[in-house]
Amino acid sequence: MEHIELFFKSIFVDNMVFAYFLGMCSYLAVSKKVSTAVGLGAAVIFVLAITVPLNWLLDQYLLQEGALRWLGPEYAEYDLGFLSFIMFIATIATMVQLVEIIVEKFSPSLYNSLGIFLPLIAVNCAILGGSLFMQSREIETLGLALNYGIGSGIGWFLAIVAIAAIREKIRYSNVPAPLRGLGITFIITGLMAIGFMSFGGMLTGGEEEATEETVENTVGMVTNIADESDEASSLVIETINDTEKK
């Protein structure tokens, strides 16, 4: 259940583009055609699926305070957390180079269409954001880290493919001249982000229990207010009756 919850939340609720607006440069530049958007989106999924678990291992067994205790008790107090950015970026750059070699080998046309934006995945803030969110949220296991990486990549993939499909169709629409190009793209992205915000109402098990408790407390409060209102109404009626008698 935890894996399913994390997977869908990373795609819809915590979408890299629509929730945090990460990776916007590639999102806007390579979303003119669905074919190139699919290629770049697949590359992002692959890179996130590899780098997030690798960076989880680095964080757990090298970077956190006390992570080096496996080397011996004298290393238990070492804290290499200040190296997180350098190590994470180095891992990402290595994987991006691997992706670039594979794409150039097996799909030269896609490699040429992606152009400079394929190697720029190394500095795509959505890729680094996946590893940093993994670290800040203290994901507990390697399986959950892999799950989060794949889910985040799929979320970014859906975002860029959706905007690419819309931009292909909108070419034949009568868009006002000042909004053509990036103007209407920004507006559509904002509207899509508002739509994805509706997924924020998805409840987890713990939140559901908390919600039930909140509902019970609210019902109790309303009942108390109603009782007090009845008592106040009765007191007012008695006062009016006494006044009329006098």
Protein backbone atom coordinates (compact mmCIF):
# COMPACT_ATOMS: atom_id res chain seq x y z
CA MET A 1 0.00 0.00 0.00
CA GLU A 2 2.84 2.37 0.83
CA HIS A 3 4.42 1.80 -2.58
CA ILE A 4 1.15 2.45 -4.41
CA GLU A 5 0.49 5.59 -2.41
CA LEU A 6 3.99 6.97 -3.01
CA PHE A 7 3.82 6.10 -6.71
CA PHE A 8 0.57 7.94 -7.40
CA LYS A 9 1.43 10.90 -5.18
CA SER A 10 4.75 11.40 -6.98
CA ILE A 11 2.93 11.41 -10.34
CA PHE A 12 -0.14 13.52 -9.60
CA VAL A 13 0.08 15.28 -6.23
CA ASP A 14 3.81 16.10 -6.16
CA ASN A 15 4.26 16.46 -9.92
CA MET A 16 7.67 17.95 -10.67
CA VAL A 17 6.28 20.39 -13.24
CA PHE A 18 2.82 21.30 -12.01
CA ALA A 19 3.48 21.22 -8.24
CA TYR A 20 7.06 22.53 -8.06
CA PHE A 21 7.67 23.92 -11.60
CA LEU A 22 10.98 22.07 -11.89
CA GLY A 23 12.56 21.31 -15.26
CA MET A 24 10.67 24.12 -16.98
CA CYS A 25 13.45 24.98 -19.46
CA SER A 26 13.33 21.56 -21.14
CA TYR A 27 9.57 21.38 -20.64
CA LEU A 28 9.03 24.56 -22.67
CA ALA A 29 11.78 24.09 -25.28
CA VAL A 30 11.24 20.44 -26.27
CA SER A 31 7.44 20.36 -26.16
CA LYS A 32 6.75 21.55 -29.71
CA LYS A 33 6.35 17.99 -31.03
CA VAL A 34 4.96 14.93 -29.26
CA SER A 35 7.67 12.68 -30.72
CA THR A 36 10.54 14.67 -29.21
CA ALA A 37 8.61 15.14 -25.96
CA VAL A 38 8.15 11.37 -25.65
CA GLY A 39 11.87 10.79 -26.25
CA LEU A 40 13.00 13.34 -23.68
CA GLY A 41 10.35 12.20 -21.19
CA ALA A 42 11.52 8.60 -21.49
CA ALA A 43 15.11 9.73 -20.94
CA VAL A 44 14.07 11.63 -17.81
CA ILE A 45 12.24 8.55 -16.47
CA PHE A 46 15.35 6.44 -17.04
CA VAL A 47 17.69 8.95 -15.40
CA LEU A 48 15.42 9.45 -12.36
CA ALA A 49 14.87 5.71 -11.97
CA ILE A 50 18.65 5.18 -11.82
CA THR A 51 19.89 8.27 -9.98
CA VAL A 52 17.36 8.42 -7.13
CA PRO A 53 18.15 4.88 -5.83
CA LEU A 54 21.90 5.42 -6.36
CA ASN A 55 21.78 8.71 -4.47
CA TRP A 56 19.73 7.00 -1.74
CA LEU A 57 22.55 4.51 -1.29
CA LEU A 58 25.11 7.32 -1.22
CA ASP A 59 23.03 9.21 1.33
CA GLN A 60 22.46 6.18 3.58
CA TYR A 61 25.97 4.71 3.53
CA LEU A 62 28.21 7.72 2.93
CA LEU A 63 26.71 11.17 3.44
CA GLN A 64 24.49 11.09 6.52
CA GLU A 65 25.84 11.66 9.99
CA GLY A 66 27.03 8.30 11.27
CA ALA A 67 26.63 6.65 7.86
CA LEU A 68 30.28 5.59 7.86
CA ARG A 69 29.95 3.43 10.95
CA TRP A 70 30.21 0.39 8.69
CA LEU A 71 33.89 1.29 8.27
CA GLY A 72 34.46 1.12 12.00
CA PRO A 73 33.42 2.81 15.24
CA GLU A 74 36.03 5.56 14.79
CA TYR A 75 34.13 6.80 11.70
CA ALA A 76 30.70 6.87 13.35
CA GLU A 77 30.82 10.60 14.11
CA TYR A 78 31.68 11.73 10.59
CA ASP A 79 29.07 13.81 8.75
CA LEU A 80 29.61 14.26 5.00
CA GLY A 81 26.25 15.87 4.34
CA PHE A 82 27.94 18.97 2.91
CA LEU A 83 28.98 16.81 -0.08
CA SER A 84 25.38 15.95 -1.01
CA PHE A 85 25.08 18.36 -3.94
CA ILE A 86 28.44 17.40 -5.42
CA MET A 87 27.84 13.66 -5.12
CA PHE A 88 24.26 13.83 -6.40
CA ILE A 89 25.23 15.95 -9.42
CA ALA A 90 28.16 13.67 -10.22
CA THR A 91 25.85 10.64 -10.21
CA ILE A 92 23.31 12.44 -12.40
CA ALA A 93 25.96 13.60 -14.89
CA THR A 94 27.30 10.04 -15.20
CA MET A 95 23.86 8.60 -15.93
CA VAL A 96 23.06 11.37 -18.42
CA GLN A 97 26.22 10.59 -20.34
CA LEU A 98 25.14 6.95 -20.46
CA VAL A 99 21.70 7.95 -21.77
CA GLU A 100 23.26 10.22 -24.38
CA ILE A 101 25.49 7.40 -25.66
CA ILE A 102 22.55 4.97 -25.85
CA VAL A 103 20.23 7.41 -27.64
CA GLU A 104 22.93 8.43 -30.14
CA LYS A 105 23.66 4.75 -30.85
CA PHE A 106 20.12 3.44 -31.29
CA SER A 107 18.13 6.55 -32.37
CA PRO A 108 20.26 9.16 -34.17
CA SER A 109 17.14 11.03 -35.35
CA LEU A 110 15.88 11.46 -31.79
CA TYR A 111 19.40 12.43 -30.71
CA ASN A 112 19.49 15.18 -33.36
CA SER A 113 15.96 16.41 -32.57
CA LEU A 114 16.68 16.69 -28.84
CA GLY A 115 19.88 18.56 -29.56
CA ILE A 116 21.51 20.34 -26.65
CA PHE A 117 18.64 19.51 -24.28
CA LEU A 118 19.67 15.86 -23.95
CA PRO A 119 23.03 16.58 -22.27
CA LEU A 120 21.32 19.40 -20.36
CA ILE A 121 19.34 16.76 -18.46
CA ALA A 122 22.43 16.72 -16.22
CA VAL A 123 21.52 20.21 -15.01
CA ASN A 124 17.76 19.68 -15.16
CA CYS A 125 16.51 20.79 -11.76
CA ALA A 126 13.76 18.14 -11.86
CA ILE A 127 16.44 15.41 -11.82
CA LEU A 128 18.33 16.95 -8.91
CA GLY A 129 15.02 17.77 -7.23
CA GLY A 130 14.07 14.09 -7.21
CA SER A 131 17.21 13.18 -5.25
CA LEU A 132 16.91 16.14 -2.88
CA PHE A 133 13.22 15.43 -2.18
CA MET A 134 14.15 11.82 -1.56
CA GLN A 135 16.71 12.98 0.98
CA SER A 136 14.53 15.59 2.70
CA ARG A 137 11.54 13.24 2.98
CA GLU A 138 13.74 10.56 4.51
CA ILE A 139 12.53 7.75 2.27
CA GLU A 140 13.24 4.61 4.26
CA THR A 141 14.07 1.84 1.79
CA LEU A 142 15.79 1.39 -1.56
CA GLY A 143 12.56 0.03 -3.04
CA LEU A 144 10.66 3.18 -2.07
CA ALA A 145 13.46 5.31 -3.53
CA LEU A 146 13.20 3.42 -6.83
CA ASN A 147 9.43 3.79 -6.72
CA TYR A 148 9.71 7.53 -6.10
CA GLY A 149 12.24 7.98 -8.92
CA ILE A 150 10.07 6.16 -11.46
CA GLY A 151 6.90 7.92 -10.31
CA SER A 152 8.52 11.37 -10.49
CA GLY A 153 9.84 10.59 -13.96
CA ILE A 154 6.41 9.45 -15.16
CA GLY A 155 4.89 12.64 -13.75
CA TRP A 156 7.37 14.77 -15.71
CA PHE A 157 6.77 12.59 -18.78
CA LEU A 158 2.99 13.10 -18.60
CA ALA A 159 3.44 16.85 -18.20
CA ILE A 160 5.67 17.34 -21.24
CA VAL A 161 3.68 14.96 -23.48
CA ALA A 162 0.42 16.66 -22.50
CA ILE A 163 1.69 20.16 -23.26
CA ALA A 164 3.29 18.94 -26.51
CA ALA A 165 -0.02 17.45 -27.68
CA ILE A 166 -1.84 20.68 -26.83
CA ARG A 167 0.79 22.82 -28.60
CA GLU A 168 0.52 20.70 -31.73
CA LYS A 169 -3.24 21.20 -31.81
CA ILE A 170 -3.16 24.86 -30.86
CA ARG A 171 -1.19 25.74 -34.00
CA TYR A 172 -4.47 25.52 -35.89
CA SER A 173 -6.35 27.65 -33.37
CA ASN A 174 -7.00 31.36 -33.62
CA VAL A 175 -4.72 32.47 -30.77
CA PRO A 176 -4.38 36.25 -30.29
CA ALA A 177 -1.08 37.46 -31.72
CA PRO A 178 0.43 38.73 -28.41
CA LEU A 179 -0.13 35.29 -26.80
CA ARG A 180 1.26 33.08 -29.56
CA GLY A 181 4.24 30.92 -28.64
CA LEU A 182 5.34 30.88 -25.02
CA GLY A 183 2.56 33.21 -23.85
CA ILE A 184 -0.28 30.76 -24.44
CA THR A 185 2.00 27.90 -23.30
CA PHE A 186 2.47 29.56 -19.90
CA ILE A 187 -1.27 30.12 -19.57
CA ILE A 188 -2.06 26.49 -20.43
CA THR A 189 0.62 25.27 -18.02
CA GLY A 190 -0.91 27.35 -15.24
CA LEU A 191 -4.38 25.96 -15.97
CA MET A 192 -3.01 22.40 -16.02
CA ALA A 193 -1.25 23.05 -12.71
CA ILE A 194 -4.56 24.19 -11.21
CA GLY A 195 -6.16 20.99 -12.49
CA PHE A 196 -3.45 18.84 -10.96
CA MET A 197 -3.95 20.63 -7.63
CA SER A 198 -7.27 18.80 -7.37
CA PHE A 199 -5.31 15.57 -6.86
CA GLY A 200 -4.06 17.07 -3.60
CA GLY A 201 -7.32 15.90 -2.03
CA MET A 202 -6.22 12.28 -2.33
CA LEU A 203 -6.10 10.95 1.24
CA THR A 204 -3.72 8.47 2.76
CA GLY A 205 -4.73 5.95 5.40
CA GLY A 206 -3.33 7.97 8.29
CA GLU A 207 -4.87 11.17 7.00
CA GLU A 208 -8.20 9.38 6.65
CA GLU A 209 -8.13 8.37 10.30
CA ALA A 210 -7.23 11.90 11.26
CA THR A 211 -10.07 13.20 9.10
CA GLU A 212 -12.58 10.87 10.78
CA GLU A 213 -11.41 12.09 14.17
CA THR A 214 -11.73 15.70 12.99
CA VAL A 215 -15.27 15.02 11.74
CA GLU A 216 -16.23 13.51 15.10
CA ASN A 217 -14.79 16.52 16.93
CA THR A 218 -16.63 18.89 14.60
CA VAL A 219 -19.92 17.06 15.08
CA GLY A 220 -19.45 17.17 18.83
CA MET A 221 -18.69 20.89 18.70
CA VAL A 222 -21.75 21.59 16.57
CA THR A 223 -23.91 19.55 18.96
CA ASN A 224 -22.63 21.51 21.94
CA ILE A 225 -23.28 24.79 20.16
CA ALA A 226 -26.79 23.64 19.30
CA ASP A 227 -27.48 22.67 22.93
CA GLU A 228 -26.18 26.01 24.13
CA SER A 229 -28.33 27.77 21.54
CA ASP A 230 -31.41 25.88 22.74
CA GLU A 231 -30.66 26.87 26.32
CA ALA A 232 -30.17 30.49 25.32
CA SER A 233 -33.41 30.45 23.32
CA SER A 234 -35.30 29.01 26.27
CA LEU A 235 -33.85 31.67 28.57
CA VAL A 236 -34.86 34.45 26.15
CA ILE A 237 -38.40 33.05 25.88
CA GLU A 238 -38.73 32.85 29.68
CA THR A 239 -37.50 36.42 30.01
CA ILE A 240 -40.02 37.65 27.45
CA ASN A 241 -42.85 35.78 29.19
CA ASP A 242 -41.87 37.24 32.55
CA THR A 243 -41.80 40.73 31.04
CA GLU A 244 -45.27 40.30 29.53
CA LYS A 245 -46.67 39.10 32.86
CA LYS A 246 -45.30 42.18 34.61
